[in-house]
Amino acid sequence: MFHDGLVRVLKTHAEDVVISGSAESWQEAKAMLNTLKPEALMAEYQFAEAILADLEQLAAHQYFPEKILFIIQDENKIVVYQRQQLSDITIEHLIEAL
């Protein structure tokens, strides 16, 4: 439900954002990175630990996106990997972070 809602919001409110792929798991997303070469990676915060644990290795051997956004559904927050944190998130804040 979270994923589908996020995709709908982006398609409706961010015409210049192209969704190049979608994955059910971090393993599936890692496999897609080299092929799709996205500018940004958006993931539910529950996957942050796994993604950050792989970050150095992936950056050394594969393509990795410039921005990583972790969405915290329960707290209405987005955490941008570059240690920015946005609270009271709106669709406009989300698009700006991308």
C-alpha atoms as a PDB file:
ATOM      1  CA  MET A   1       0.000   0.000   0.000  1.00  0.00           C
ATOM      2  CA  PHE A   2       2.832   2.400   0.873  1.00  0.00           C
ATOM      3  CA  HIS A   3       4.616   1.729  -2.408  1.00  0.00           C
ATOM      4  CA  ASP A   4       1.491   2.097  -4.548  1.00  0.00           C
ATOM      5  CA  GLY A   5       0.506   5.327  -2.828  1.00  0.00           C
ATOM      6  CA  LEU A   6       3.971   6.810  -3.292  1.00  0.00           C
ATOM      7  CA  VAL A   7       3.979   5.933  -6.995  1.00  0.00           C
ATOM      8  CA  ARG A   8       0.537   7.537  -7.447  1.00  0.00           C
ATOM      9  CA  VAL A   9       1.640  10.710  -5.652  1.00  0.00           C
ATOM     10  CA  LEU A  10       4.752  11.073  -7.788  1.00  0.00           C
ATOM     11  CA  LYS A  11       2.898  10.427 -11.041  1.00  0.00           C
ATOM     12  CA  THR A  12       0.227  12.951 -10.098  1.00  0.00           C
ATOM     13  CA  HIS A  13       2.348  15.730  -8.595  1.00  0.00           C
ATOM     14  CA  ALA A  14       5.799  15.436 -10.142  1.00  0.00           C
ATOM     15  CA  GLU A  15       5.519  15.352 -13.915  1.00  0.00           C
ATOM     16  CA  ASP A  16       9.303  15.705 -14.317  1.00  0.00           C
ATOM     17  CA  VAL A  17      10.036  12.677 -12.103  1.00  0.00           C
ATOM     18  CA  VAL A  18      10.416   9.423 -14.008  1.00  0.00           C
ATOM     19  CA  ILE A  19       9.982   6.197 -12.078  1.00  0.00           C
ATOM     20  CA  SER A  20      12.532   3.965 -13.758  1.00  0.00           C
ATOM     21  CA  GLY A  21      11.946   0.868 -11.674  1.00  0.00           C
ATOM     22  CA  SER A  22      10.353  -0.650  -8.639  1.00  0.00           C
ATOM     23  CA  ALA A  23      11.516  -3.488  -6.422  1.00  0.00           C
ATOM     24  CA  GLU A  24       9.900  -5.666  -3.785  1.00  0.00           C
ATOM     25  CA  SER A  25      13.153  -6.105  -1.839  1.00  0.00           C
ATOM     26  CA  TRP A  26      16.600  -4.589  -1.393  1.00  0.00           C
ATOM     27  CA  GLN A  27      18.137  -7.580  -3.198  1.00  0.00           C
ATOM     28  CA  GLU A  28      15.933  -6.932  -6.213  1.00  0.00           C
ATOM     29  CA  ALA A  29      16.716  -3.190  -6.117  1.00  0.00           C
ATOM     30  CA  LYS A  30      20.481  -3.843  -6.014  1.00  0.00           C
ATOM     31  CA  ALA A  31      20.183  -5.969  -9.138  1.00  0.00           C
ATOM     32  CA  MET A  32      18.409  -3.107 -10.937  1.00  0.00           C
ATOM     33  CA  LEU A  33      20.837  -0.288 -10.042  1.00  0.00           C
ATOM     34  CA  ASN A  34      23.457  -0.906 -12.750  1.00  0.00           C
ATOM     35  CA  THR A  35      20.868  -1.340 -15.463  1.00  0.00           C
ATOM     36  CA  LEU A  36      18.557   1.553 -14.636  1.00  0.00           C
ATOM     37  CA  LYS A  37      21.120   4.034 -13.199  1.00  0.00           C
ATOM     38  CA  PRO A  38      18.591   6.128 -11.251  1.00  0.00           C
ATOM     39  CA  GLU A  39      19.445   9.594  -9.941  1.00  0.00           C
ATOM     40  CA  ALA A  40      17.624   8.877  -6.686  1.00  0.00           C
ATOM     41  CA  LEU A  41      16.712   5.811  -4.686  1.00  0.00           C
ATOM     42  CA  MET A  42      13.617   5.905  -2.498  1.00  0.00           C
ATOM     43  CA  ALA A  43      13.092   3.211   0.112  1.00  0.00           C
ATOM     44  CA  GLU A  44      11.041   2.591   3.202  1.00  0.00           C
ATOM     45  CA  TYR A  45      13.069   3.380   6.299  1.00  0.00           C
ATOM     46  CA  GLN A  46      12.891  -0.243   7.452  1.00  0.00           C
ATOM     47  CA  PHE A  47      15.416  -1.038   4.671  1.00  0.00           C
ATOM     48  CA  ALA A  48      17.866   1.722   5.654  1.00  0.00           C
ATOM     49  CA  GLU A  49      20.185  -0.508   7.671  1.00  0.00           C
ATOM     50  CA  ALA A  50      20.616  -3.033   4.850  1.00  0.00           C
ATOM     51  CA  ILE A  51      21.116  -0.326   2.227  1.00  0.00           C
ATOM     52  CA  LEU A  52      23.645   1.617   4.279  1.00  0.00           C
ATOM     53  CA  ALA A  53      25.539  -1.575   5.123  1.00  0.00           C
ATOM     54  CA  ASP A  54      25.997  -2.199   1.377  1.00  0.00           C
ATOM     55  CA  LEU A  55      26.692   1.416   0.433  1.00  0.00           C
ATOM     56  CA  GLU A  56      30.495   1.390   0.419  1.00  0.00           C
ATOM     57  CA  GLN A  57      30.773  -1.910  -1.418  1.00  0.00           C
ATOM     58  CA  LEU A  58      28.166  -0.918  -3.998  1.00  0.00           C
ATOM     59  CA  ALA A  59      29.724   2.477  -4.620  1.00  0.00           C
ATOM     60  CA  ALA A  60      33.107   0.851  -5.263  1.00  0.00           C
ATOM     61  CA  HIS A  61      31.847  -1.782  -7.698  1.00  0.00           C
ATOM     62  CA  GLN A  62      28.555  -0.612  -9.150  1.00  0.00           C
ATOM     63  CA  TYR A  63      26.581   2.434 -10.058  1.00  0.00           C
ATOM     64  CA  PHE A  64      24.880   4.010  -7.056  1.00  0.00           C
ATOM     65  CA  PRO A  65      22.368   6.891  -7.091  1.00  0.00           C
ATOM     66  CA  GLU A  66      23.324  10.404  -6.071  1.00  0.00           C
ATOM     67  CA  LYS A  67      20.456  10.720  -3.590  1.00  0.00           C
ATOM     68  CA  ILE A  68      18.989   8.187  -1.225  1.00  0.00           C
ATOM     69  CA  LEU A  69      15.676   8.980   0.441  1.00  0.00           C
ATOM     70  CA  PHE A  70      14.297   6.862   3.255  1.00  0.00           C
ATOM     71  CA  ILE A  71      10.596   7.386   3.787  1.00  0.00           C
ATOM     72  CA  ILE A  72       9.305   6.977   7.333  1.00  0.00           C
ATOM     73  CA  GLN A  73       5.620   6.368   6.907  1.00  0.00           C
ATOM     74  CA  ASP A  74       4.617   6.308  10.565  1.00  0.00           C
ATOM     75  CA  GLU A  75       6.277   9.583  11.521  1.00  0.00           C
ATOM     76  CA  ASN A  76       5.503  11.672   8.424  1.00  0.00           C
ATOM     77  CA  LYS A  77       9.227  12.153   7.758  1.00  0.00           C
ATOM     78  CA  ILE A  78      11.764  11.691   5.005  1.00  0.00           C
ATOM     79  CA  VAL A  79      15.411  11.118   5.866  1.00  0.00           C
ATOM     80  CA  VAL A  80      17.774  12.031   3.049  1.00  0.00           C
ATOM     81  CA  TYR A  81      20.983  10.023   3.308  1.00  0.00           C
ATOM     82  CA  GLN A  82      23.151  13.149   3.284  1.00  0.00           C
ATOM     83  CA  ARG A  83      21.941  13.540   6.880  1.00  0.00           C
ATOM     84  CA  GLN A  84      19.120  15.893   6.065  1.00  0.00           C
ATOM     85  CA  GLN A  85      15.826  15.236   7.723  1.00  0.00           C
ATOM     86  CA  LEU A  86      12.516  16.685   6.655  1.00  0.00           C
ATOM     87  CA  SER A  87       9.620  16.736   9.097  1.00  0.00           C
ATOM     88  CA  ASP A  88       5.942  17.495   8.562  1.00  0.00           C
ATOM     89  CA  ILE A  89       6.416  16.183   5.069  1.00  0.00           C
ATOM     90  CA  THR A  90       4.212  17.286   2.219  1.00  0.00           C
ATOM     91  CA  ILE A  91       4.180  16.252  -1.410  1.00  0.00           C
ATOM     92  CA  GLU A  92       6.070  19.456  -2.203  1.00  0.00           C
ATOM     93  CA  HIS A  93       8.814  18.571   0.318  1.00  0.00           C
ATOM     94  CA  LEU A  94       9.123  15.116  -1.201  1.00  0.00           C
ATOM     95  CA  ILE A  95       9.489  16.475  -4.729  1.00  0.00           C
ATOM     96  CA  GLU A  96      11.984  19.100  -3.542  1.00  0.00           C
ATOM     97  CA  ALA A  97      14.106  16.401  -1.896  1.00  0.00           C
ATOM     98  CA  LEU A  98      14.222  14.477  -5.166  1.00  0.00           C
END
